[in-house]
Amino acid sequence: MPNQHVVPHEKGWAVRGEGSSRAELVTDTKQEAVEAARKLAKEQRSELVVHGKDGRIQTKDSHGHDPYPPKG
């Protein structure tokens, strides 16, 4: 499943599947977008990637497939 990205959008914030140029959802606030993307990532067992207004990655959160799981 594709990772879910929260990215800035001309109308607020967008949730977009990795590799897709089309937003799945556009919200007014970043928090709304993060909550929606987190739900999708959990359902799809994928990664949640949150970007800042400058487009740079701020945080990542794994919901199933972690390419670097903790050791121990």
PDB file of N, CA and C in Angstrom:
ATOM      1  N   MET A   1       0.838  -1.184   0.000  1.00  0.00           N
ATOM      2  CA  MET A   1       0.000   0.000   0.000  1.00  0.00           C
ATOM      3  C   MET A   1       0.885   1.251   0.000  1.00  0.00           C
ATOM      4  N   PRO A   2       0.427   2.312  -0.639  1.00  0.00           N
ATOM      5  CA  PRO A   2       1.252   3.528  -0.679  1.00  0.00           C
ATOM      6  C   PRO A   2       1.260   4.243   0.661  1.00  0.00           C
ATOM      7  N   ASN A   3       2.382   4.883   0.942  1.00  0.00           N
ATOM      8  CA  ASN A   3       2.469   5.711   2.136  1.00  0.00           C
ATOM      9  C   ASN A   3       1.542   6.900   1.975  1.00  0.00           C
ATOM     10  N   GLN A   4       1.051   7.423   3.088  1.00  0.00           N
ATOM     11  CA  GLN A   4       0.158   8.571   3.072  1.00  0.00           C
ATOM     12  C   GLN A   4       0.946   9.816   3.461  1.00  0.00           C
ATOM     13  N   HIS A   5       0.858  10.853   2.640  1.00  0.00           N
ATOM     14  CA  HIS A   5       1.591  12.095   2.884  1.00  0.00           C
ATOM     15  C   HIS A   5       0.612  13.219   3.188  1.00  0.00           C
ATOM     16  N   VAL A   6       0.942  14.027   4.196  1.00  0.00           N
ATOM     17  CA  VAL A   6       0.218  15.266   4.491  1.00  0.00           C
ATOM     18  C   VAL A   6       1.090  16.387   3.947  1.00  0.00           C
ATOM     19  N   VAL A   7       0.538  17.140   2.994  1.00  0.00           N
ATOM     20  CA  VAL A   7       1.315  18.159   2.298  1.00  0.00           C
ATOM     21  C   VAL A   7       0.530  19.474   2.222  1.00  0.00           C
ATOM     22  N   PRO A   8       1.261  20.607   2.112  1.00  0.00           N
ATOM     23  CA  PRO A   8       0.561  21.881   1.933  1.00  0.00           C
ATOM     24  C   PRO A   8      -0.197  21.892   0.606  1.00  0.00           C
ATOM     25  N   HIS A   9      -1.318  22.587   0.604  1.00  0.00           N
ATOM     26  CA  HIS A   9      -2.174  22.663  -0.585  1.00  0.00           C
ATOM     27  C   HIS A   9      -2.666  24.100  -0.701  1.00  0.00           C
ATOM     28  N   GLU A  10      -2.982  24.531  -1.891  1.00  0.00           N
ATOM     29  CA  GLU A  10      -3.426  25.916  -2.100  1.00  0.00           C
ATOM     30  C   GLU A  10      -4.688  26.260  -1.301  1.00  0.00           C
ATOM     31  N   LYS A  11      -5.471  25.226  -0.943  1.00  0.00           N
ATOM     32  CA  LYS A  11      -6.701  25.446  -0.173  1.00  0.00           C
ATOM     33  C   LYS A  11      -6.572  24.969   1.268  1.00  0.00           C
ATOM     34  N   GLY A  12      -5.357  24.739   1.749  1.00  0.00           N
ATOM     35  CA  GLY A  12      -5.148  24.283   3.130  1.00  0.00           C
ATOM     36  C   GLY A  12      -4.093  23.197   3.184  1.00  0.00           C
ATOM     37  N   TRP A  13      -4.531  21.975   3.514  1.00  0.00           N
ATOM     38  CA  TRP A  13      -3.634  20.814   3.620  1.00  0.00           C
ATOM     39  C   TRP A  13      -4.254  19.643   2.898  1.00  0.00           C
ATOM     40  N   ALA A  14      -3.411  18.823   2.291  1.00  0.00           N
ATOM     41  CA  ALA A  14      -3.896  17.688   1.511  1.00  0.00           C
ATOM     42  C   ALA A  14      -3.322  16.379   2.022  1.00  0.00           C
ATOM     43  N   VAL A  15      -4.104  15.325   1.853  1.00  0.00           N
ATOM     44  CA  VAL A  15      -3.648  13.960   2.093  1.00  0.00           C
ATOM     45  C   VAL A  15      -3.484  13.349   0.706  1.00  0.00           C
ATOM     46  N   ARG A  16      -2.284  12.829   0.459  1.00  0.00           N
ATOM     47  CA  ARG A  16      -1.990  12.295  -0.870  1.00  0.00           C
ATOM     48  C   ARG A  16      -1.234  10.975  -0.728  1.00  0.00           C
ATOM     49  N   GLY A  17      -1.660   9.985  -1.483  1.00  0.00           N
ATOM     50  CA  GLY A  17      -0.949   8.713  -1.521  1.00  0.00           C
ATOM     51  C   GLY A  17       0.370   8.889  -2.249  1.00  0.00           C
ATOM     52  N   GLU A  18       1.401   8.210  -1.766  1.00  0.00           N
ATOM     53  CA  GLU A  18       2.726   8.321  -2.377  1.00  0.00           C
ATOM     54  C   GLU A  18       2.668   7.948  -3.848  1.00  0.00           C
ATOM     55  N   GLY A  19       3.283   8.791  -4.674  1.00  0.00           N
ATOM     56  CA  GLY A  19       3.323   8.546  -6.104  1.00  0.00           C
ATOM     57  C   GLY A  19       2.135   9.124  -6.857  1.00  0.00           C
ATOM     58  N   SER A  20       1.153   9.640  -6.117  1.00  0.00           N
ATOM     59  CA  SER A  20      -0.035  10.208  -6.747  1.00  0.00           C
ATOM     60  C   SER A  20       0.085  11.729  -6.816  1.00  0.00           C
ATOM     61  N   SER A  21      -0.321  12.309  -7.917  1.00  0.00           N
ATOM     62  CA  SER A  21      -0.300  13.761  -8.031  1.00  0.00           C
ATOM     63  C   SER A  21      -1.625  14.365  -7.574  1.00  0.00           C
ATOM     64  N   ARG A  22      -2.618  13.507  -7.344  1.00  0.00           N
ATOM     65  CA  ARG A  22      -3.953  13.963  -6.952  1.00  0.00           C
ATOM     66  C   ARG A  22      -4.161  13.773  -5.452  1.00  0.00           C
ATOM     67  N   ALA A  23      -4.715  14.797  -4.809  1.00  0.00           N
ATOM     68  CA  ALA A  23      -5.011  14.717  -3.384  1.00  0.00           C
ATOM     69  C   ALA A  23      -6.230  13.831  -3.154  1.00  0.00           C
ATOM     70  N   GLU A  24      -6.148  12.964  -2.148  1.00  0.00           N
ATOM     71  CA  GLU A  24      -7.298  12.143  -1.769  1.00  0.00           C
ATOM     72  C   GLU A  24      -8.292  12.970  -0.974  1.00  0.00           C
ATOM     73  N   LEU A  25      -7.773  13.968  -0.245  1.00  0.00           N
ATOM     74  CA  LEU A  25      -8.595  14.772   0.647  1.00  0.00           C
ATOM     75  C   LEU A  25      -7.905  16.107   0.857  1.00  0.00           C
ATOM     76  N   VAL A  26      -8.668  17.192   0.915  1.00  0.00           N
ATOM     77  CA  VAL A  26      -8.130  18.515   1.236  1.00  0.00           C
ATOM     78  C   VAL A  26      -8.884  19.033   2.446  1.00  0.00           C
ATOM     79  N   THR A  27      -8.138  19.528   3.447  1.00  0.00           N
ATOM     80  CA  THR A  27      -8.744  20.044   4.674  1.00  0.00           C
ATOM     81  C   THR A  27      -8.287  21.473   4.924  1.00  0.00           C
ATOM     82  N   ASP A  28      -8.985  22.142   5.824  1.00  0.00           N
ATOM     83  CA  ASP A  28      -8.621  23.512   6.189  1.00  0.00           C
ATOM     84  C   ASP A  28      -7.388  23.558   7.087  1.00  0.00           C
ATOM     85  N   THR A  29      -7.275  22.566   7.978  1.00  0.00           N
ATOM     86  CA  THR A  29      -6.167  22.588   8.939  1.00  0.00           C
ATOM     87  C   THR A  29      -5.247  21.383   8.766  1.00  0.00           C
ATOM     88  N   LYS A  30      -4.023  21.565   9.195  1.00  0.00           N
ATOM     89  CA  LYS A  30      -3.043  20.488   9.136  1.00  0.00           C
ATOM     90  C   LYS A  30      -3.464  19.342  10.050  1.00  0.00           C
ATOM     91  N   GLN A  31      -3.998  19.672  11.224  1.00  0.00           N
ATOM     92  CA  GLN A  31      -4.401  18.642  12.182  1.00  0.00           C
ATOM     93  C   GLN A  31      -5.471  17.724  11.595  1.00  0.00           C
ATOM     94  N   GLU A  32      -6.445  18.299  10.889  1.00  0.00           N
ATOM     95  CA  GLU A  32      -7.483  17.482  10.244  1.00  0.00           C
ATOM     96  C   GLU A  32      -6.872  16.540   9.210  1.00  0.00           C
ATOM     97  N   ALA A  33      -5.927  17.046   8.441  1.00  0.00           N
ATOM     98  CA  ALA A  33      -5.267  16.230   7.431  1.00  0.00           C
ATOM     99  C   ALA A  33      -4.465  15.106   8.073  1.00  0.00           C
ATOM    100  N   VAL A  34      -3.757  15.411   9.152  1.00  0.00           N
ATOM    101  CA  VAL A  34      -2.955  14.388   9.851  1.00  0.00           C
ATOM    102  C   VAL A  34      -3.866  13.288  10.388  1.00  0.00           C
ATOM    103  N   GLU A  35      -4.977  13.667  11.004  1.00  0.00           N
ATOM    104  CA  GLU A  35      -5.895  12.669  11.557  1.00  0.00           C
ATOM    105  C   GLU A  35      -6.459  11.765  10.455  1.00  0.00           C
ATOM    106  N   ALA A  36      -6.843  12.358   9.331  1.00  0.00           N
ATOM    107  CA  ALA A  36      -7.385  11.563   8.217  1.00  0.00           C
ATOM    108  C   ALA A  36      -6.307  10.655   7.627  1.00  0.00           C
ATOM    109  N   ALA A  37      -5.104  11.185   7.449  1.00  0.00           N
ATOM    110  CA  ALA A  37      -4.003  10.391   6.888  1.00  0.00           C
ATOM    111  C   ALA A  37      -3.603   9.267   7.833  1.00  0.00           C
ATOM    112  N   ARG A  38      -3.621   9.528   9.132  1.00  0.00           N
ATOM    113  CA  ARG A  38      -3.280   8.494  10.115  1.00  0.00           C
ATOM    114  C   ARG A  38      -4.285   7.344  10.028  1.00  0.00           C
ATOM    115  N   LYS A  39      -5.566   7.677   9.889  1.00  0.00           N
ATOM    116  CA  LYS A  39      -6.597   6.637   9.768  1.00  0.00           C
ATOM    117  C   LYS A  39      -6.346   5.788   8.526  1.00  0.00           C
ATOM    118  N   LEU A  40      -6.069   6.433   7.389  1.00  0.00           N
ATOM    119  CA  LEU A  40      -5.769   5.694   6.158  1.00  0.00           C
ATOM    120  C   LEU A  40      -4.527   4.824   6.313  1.00  0.00           C
ATOM    121  N   ALA A  41      -3.478   5.375   6.913  1.00  0.00           N
ATOM    122  CA  ALA A  41      -2.232   4.624   7.095  1.00  0.00           C
ATOM    123  C   ALA A  41      -2.455   3.394   7.974  1.00  0.00           C
ATOM    124  N   LYS A  42      -3.271   3.542   9.018  1.00  0.00           N
ATOM    125  CA  LYS A  42      -3.570   2.396   9.886  1.00  0.00           C
ATOM    126  C   LYS A  42      -4.348   1.328   9.118  1.00  0.00           C
ATOM    127  N   GLU A  43      -5.351   1.761   8.340  1.00  0.00           N
ATOM    128  CA  GLU A  43      -6.153   0.813   7.563  1.00  0.00           C
ATOM    129  C   GLU A  43      -5.306   0.089   6.524  1.00  0.00           C
ATOM    130  N   GLN A  44      -4.371   0.808   5.922  1.00  0.00           N
ATOM    131  CA  GLN A  44      -3.548   0.241   4.854  1.00  0.00           C
ATOM    132  C   GLN A  44      -2.240  -0.351   5.362  1.00  0.00           C
ATOM    133  N   ARG A  45      -1.987  -0.211   6.659  1.00  0.00           N
ATOM    134  CA  ARG A  45      -0.738  -0.686   7.281  1.00  0.00           C
ATOM    135  C   ARG A  45       0.463  -0.109   6.530  1.00  0.00           C
ATOM    136  N   SER A  46       0.462   1.215   6.404  1.00  0.00           N
ATOM    137  CA  SER A  46       1.522   1.901   5.673  1.00  0.00           C
ATOM    138  C   SER A  46       2.135   2.988   6.545  1.00  0.00           C
ATOM    139  N   GLU A  47       2.949   3.828   5.952  1.00  0.00           N
ATOM    140  CA  GLU A  47       3.632   4.901   6.665  1.00  0.00           C
ATOM    141  C   GLU A  47       2.848   6.206   6.539  1.00  0.00           C
ATOM    142  N   LEU A  48       2.908   7.011   7.589  1.00  0.00           N
ATOM    143  CA  LEU A  48       2.358   8.364   7.577  1.00  0.00           C
ATOM    144  C   LEU A  48       3.541   9.316   7.528  1.00  0.00           C
ATOM    145  N   VAL A  49       3.565  10.197   6.527  1.00  0.00           N
ATOM    146  CA  VAL A  49       4.657  11.149   6.356  1.00  0.00           C
ATOM    147  C   VAL A  49       4.046  12.552   6.371  1.00  0.00           C
ATOM    148  N   VAL A  50       4.457  13.365   7.360  1.00  0.00           N
ATOM    149  CA  VAL A  50       3.908  14.712   7.513  1.00  0.00           C
ATOM    150  C   VAL A  50       4.952  15.733   7.073  1.00  0.00           C
ATOM    151  N   HIS A  51       4.554  16.595   6.154  1.00  0.00           N
ATOM    152  CA  HIS A  51       5.427  17.640   5.625  1.00  0.00           C
ATOM    153  C   HIS A  51       5.062  18.990   6.246  1.00  0.00           C
ATOM    154  N   GLY A  52       6.023  19.907   6.274  1.00  0.00           N
ATOM    155  CA  GLY A  52       5.776  21.268   6.727  1.00  0.00           C
ATOM    156  C   GLY A  52       5.346  22.142   5.563  1.00  0.00           C
ATOM    157  N   LYS A  53       5.088  23.412   5.850  1.00  0.00           N
ATOM    158  CA  LYS A  53       4.664  24.350   4.799  1.00  0.00           C
ATOM    159  C   LYS A  53       5.700  24.477   3.697  1.00  0.00           C
ATOM    160  N   ASP A  54       6.972  24.253   4.043  1.00  0.00           N
ATOM    161  CA  ASP A  54       8.042  24.351   3.041  1.00  0.00           C
ATOM    162  C   ASP A  54       8.179  23.074   2.214  1.00  0.00           C
ATOM    163  N   GLY A  55       7.363  22.061   2.514  1.00  0.00           N
ATOM    164  CA  GLY A  55       7.396  20.814   1.765  1.00  0.00           C
ATOM    165  C   GLY A  55       8.351  19.778   2.320  1.00  0.00           C
ATOM    166  N   ARG A  56       9.181  20.178   3.278  1.00  0.00           N
ATOM    167  CA  ARG A  56      10.138  19.224   3.868  1.00  0.00           C
ATOM    168  C   ARG A  56       9.446  18.298   4.858  1.00  0.00           C
ATOM    169  N   ILE A  57       9.955  17.077   4.951  1.00  0.00           N
ATOM    170  CA  ILE A  57       9.393  16.099   5.881  1.00  0.00           C
ATOM    171  C   ILE A  57       9.665  16.551   7.312  1.00  0.00           C
ATOM    172  N   GLN A  58       8.588  16.567   8.125  1.00  0.00           N
ATOM    173  CA  GLN A  58       8.720  16.911   9.540  1.00  0.00           C
ATOM    174  C   GLN A  58       8.738  15.660  10.410  1.00  0.00           C
ATOM    175  N   THR A  59       7.799  14.749  10.154  1.00  0.00           N
ATOM    176  CA  THR A  59       7.725  13.525  10.951  1.00  0.00           C
ATOM    177  C   THR A  59       7.292  12.356  10.079  1.00  0.00           C
ATOM    178  N   LYS A  60       7.625  11.167  10.563  1.00  0.00           N
ATOM    179  CA  LYS A  60       7.172   9.922   9.940  1.00  0.00           C
ATOM    180  C   LYS A  60       6.637   9.034  11.056  1.00  0.00           C
ATOM    181  N   ASP A  61       5.624   8.259  10.726  1.00  0.00           N
ATOM    182  CA  ASP A  61       5.028   7.359  11.707  1.00  0.00           C
ATOM    183  C   ASP A  61       4.633   6.073  10.987  1.00  0.00           C
ATOM    184  N   SER A  62       5.096   4.938  11.495  1.00  0.00           N
ATOM    185  CA  SER A  62       4.826   3.661  10.871  1.00  0.00           C
ATOM    186  C   SER A  62       3.546   3.044  11.430  1.00  0.00           C
ATOM    187  N   HIS A  63       2.697   2.556  10.527  1.00  0.00           N
ATOM    188  CA  HIS A  63       1.462   1.874  10.931  1.00  0.00           C
ATOM    189  C   HIS A  63       1.384   0.510  10.262  1.00  0.00           C
ATOM    190  N   GLY A  64       2.453  -0.222  10.356  1.00  0.00           N
ATOM    191  CA  GLY A  64       2.433  -1.573   9.806  1.00  0.00           C
ATOM    192  C   GLY A  64       3.738  -1.978   9.190  1.00  0.00           C
ATOM    193  N   HIS A  65       4.123  -1.333   8.121  1.00  0.00           N
ATOM    194  CA  HIS A  65       5.356  -1.710   7.441  1.00  0.00           C
ATOM    195  C   HIS A  65       6.441  -0.717   7.793  1.00  0.00           C
ATOM    196  N   ASP A  66       7.291  -1.092   8.746  1.00  0.00           N
ATOM    197  CA  ASP A  66       8.397  -0.228   9.150  1.00  0.00           C
ATOM    198  C   ASP A  66       9.677  -0.771   8.526  1.00  0.00           C
ATOM    199  N   PRO A  67      10.273  -0.031   7.588  1.00  0.00           N
ATOM    200  CA  PRO A  67      11.486  -0.531   6.942  1.00  0.00           C
ATOM    201  C   PRO A  67      12.677  -0.603   7.906  1.00  0.00           C
ATOM    202  N   TYR A  68      12.590   0.071   9.046  1.00  0.00           N
ATOM    203  CA  TYR A  68      13.667   0.063  10.047  1.00  0.00           C
ATOM    204  C   TYR A  68      13.076  -0.207  11.424  1.00  0.00           C
ATOM    205  N   PRO A  69      12.585  -1.415  11.659  1.00  0.00           N
ATOM    206  CA  PRO A  69      11.970  -1.706  12.961  1.00  0.00           C
ATOM    207  C   PRO A  69      13.001  -1.652  14.087  1.00  0.00           C
ATOM    208  N   PRO A  70      12.567  -1.339  15.313  1.00  0.00           N
ATOM    209  CA  PRO A  70      13.496  -1.310  16.445  1.00  0.00           C
ATOM    210  C   PRO A  70      14.072  -2.693  16.704  1.00  0.00           C
ATOM    211  N   LYS A  71      15.333  -2.716  17.105  1.00  0.00           N
ATOM    212  CA  LYS A  71      15.991  -3.978  17.393  1.00  0.00           C
ATOM    213  C   LYS A  71      15.933  -4.243  18.892  1.00  0.00           C
ATOM    214  N   GLY A  72      15.852  -5.510  19.234  1.00  0.00           N
ATOM    215  CA  GLY A  72      15.901  -5.818  20.654  1.00  0.00           C
ATOM    216  C   GLY A  72      14.822  -6.643  21.085  1.00  0.00           C
TER     217      GLY A  72
END
